[in-house]
Amino acid sequence: MHGDCLWPASSVFNLGTVQGNAAVAVLKKALSLQASPAAQLIEAMPQLALATSGAVATQVNRYA
């Protein structure tokens, strides 16, 4: 068993089986469907200007 799964992960994604091929196809489709909305959210975020003066967020701590 793997985590909360009801079946061993190795058998689900075994590409030598029909079940494995179907599982990978479903995973690829799910990732593809999530990619577009995620990209849209990132693009919709306002672009913030970086600080160019002052002591806050303009210096690099070399010892960190």
Protein backbone atom coordinates (compact mmCIF):
# COMPACT_ATOMS: atom_id res chain seq x y z
CA MET A 1 0.00 0.00 0.00
CA HIS A 2 1.12 3.58 -0.63
CA GLY A 3 -0.17 6.31 1.69
CA ASP A 4 -3.97 6.43 1.67
CA CYS A 5 -4.27 4.52 -1.62
CA LEU A 6 -6.29 1.35 -1.74
CA TRP A 7 -3.81 -0.36 -4.06
CA PRO A 8 -0.03 -0.47 -4.42
CA ALA A 9 1.21 2.50 -6.45
CA SER A 10 3.54 0.28 -8.47
CA SER A 11 0.62 -1.71 -9.88
CA VAL A 12 -1.49 1.34 -10.76
CA PHE A 13 1.14 3.02 -12.93
CA ASN A 14 2.63 -0.12 -14.44
CA LEU A 15 2.79 0.95 -18.08
CA GLY A 16 2.73 -2.68 -19.14
CA THR A 17 -0.94 -2.94 -18.19
CA VAL A 18 -4.13 -1.45 -19.56
CA GLN A 19 -4.93 -0.14 -16.08
CA GLY A 20 -1.51 1.52 -15.87
CA ASN A 21 -1.87 3.17 -19.27
CA ALA A 22 -5.35 4.41 -18.36
CA ALA A 23 -4.12 5.80 -15.03
CA VAL A 24 -1.30 7.71 -16.73
CA ALA A 25 -3.67 9.05 -19.39
CA VAL A 26 -6.11 10.27 -16.74
CA LEU A 27 -3.26 11.88 -14.78
CA LYS A 28 -1.96 13.68 -17.89
CA LYS A 29 -5.46 14.95 -18.72
CA ALA A 30 -5.99 16.20 -15.15
CA LEU A 31 -2.66 18.04 -15.18
CA SER A 32 -3.46 19.55 -18.57
CA LEU A 33 -6.85 20.79 -17.35
CA GLN A 34 -5.25 22.40 -14.29
CA ALA A 35 -2.43 24.10 -16.18
CA SER A 36 -4.53 26.65 -18.06
CA PRO A 37 -6.44 28.08 -15.06
CA ALA A 38 -3.21 28.22 -13.05
CA ALA A 39 -1.47 30.18 -15.81
CA GLN A 40 -4.44 32.56 -16.02
CA LEU A 41 -4.30 33.20 -12.26
CA ILE A 42 -0.60 33.96 -12.43
CA GLU A 43 -1.07 36.33 -15.36
CA ALA A 44 -3.91 38.14 -13.55
CA MET A 45 -1.73 38.97 -10.56
CA PRO A 46 -0.51 42.58 -10.43
CA GLN A 47 3.17 43.15 -11.07
CA LEU A 48 4.74 44.68 -7.99
CA ALA A 49 7.65 47.08 -8.25
CA LEU A 50 10.85 46.09 -6.49
CA ALA A 51 12.28 48.40 -3.84
CA THR A 52 15.11 50.51 -5.22
CA SER A 53 15.97 52.65 -2.20
CA GLY A 54 16.00 52.39 1.57
CA ALA A 55 17.22 49.71 3.95
CA VAL A 56 14.37 47.24 3.47
CA ALA A 57 14.55 44.68 0.64
CA THR A 58 17.39 46.38 -1.20
CA GLN A 59 20.36 44.60 0.32
CA VAL A 60 21.46 40.98 0.13
CA ASN A 61 22.51 39.21 3.32
CA ARG A 62 25.70 37.43 2.29
CA TYR A 63 25.77 35.41 5.49
CA ALA A 64 22.31 33.86 5.17
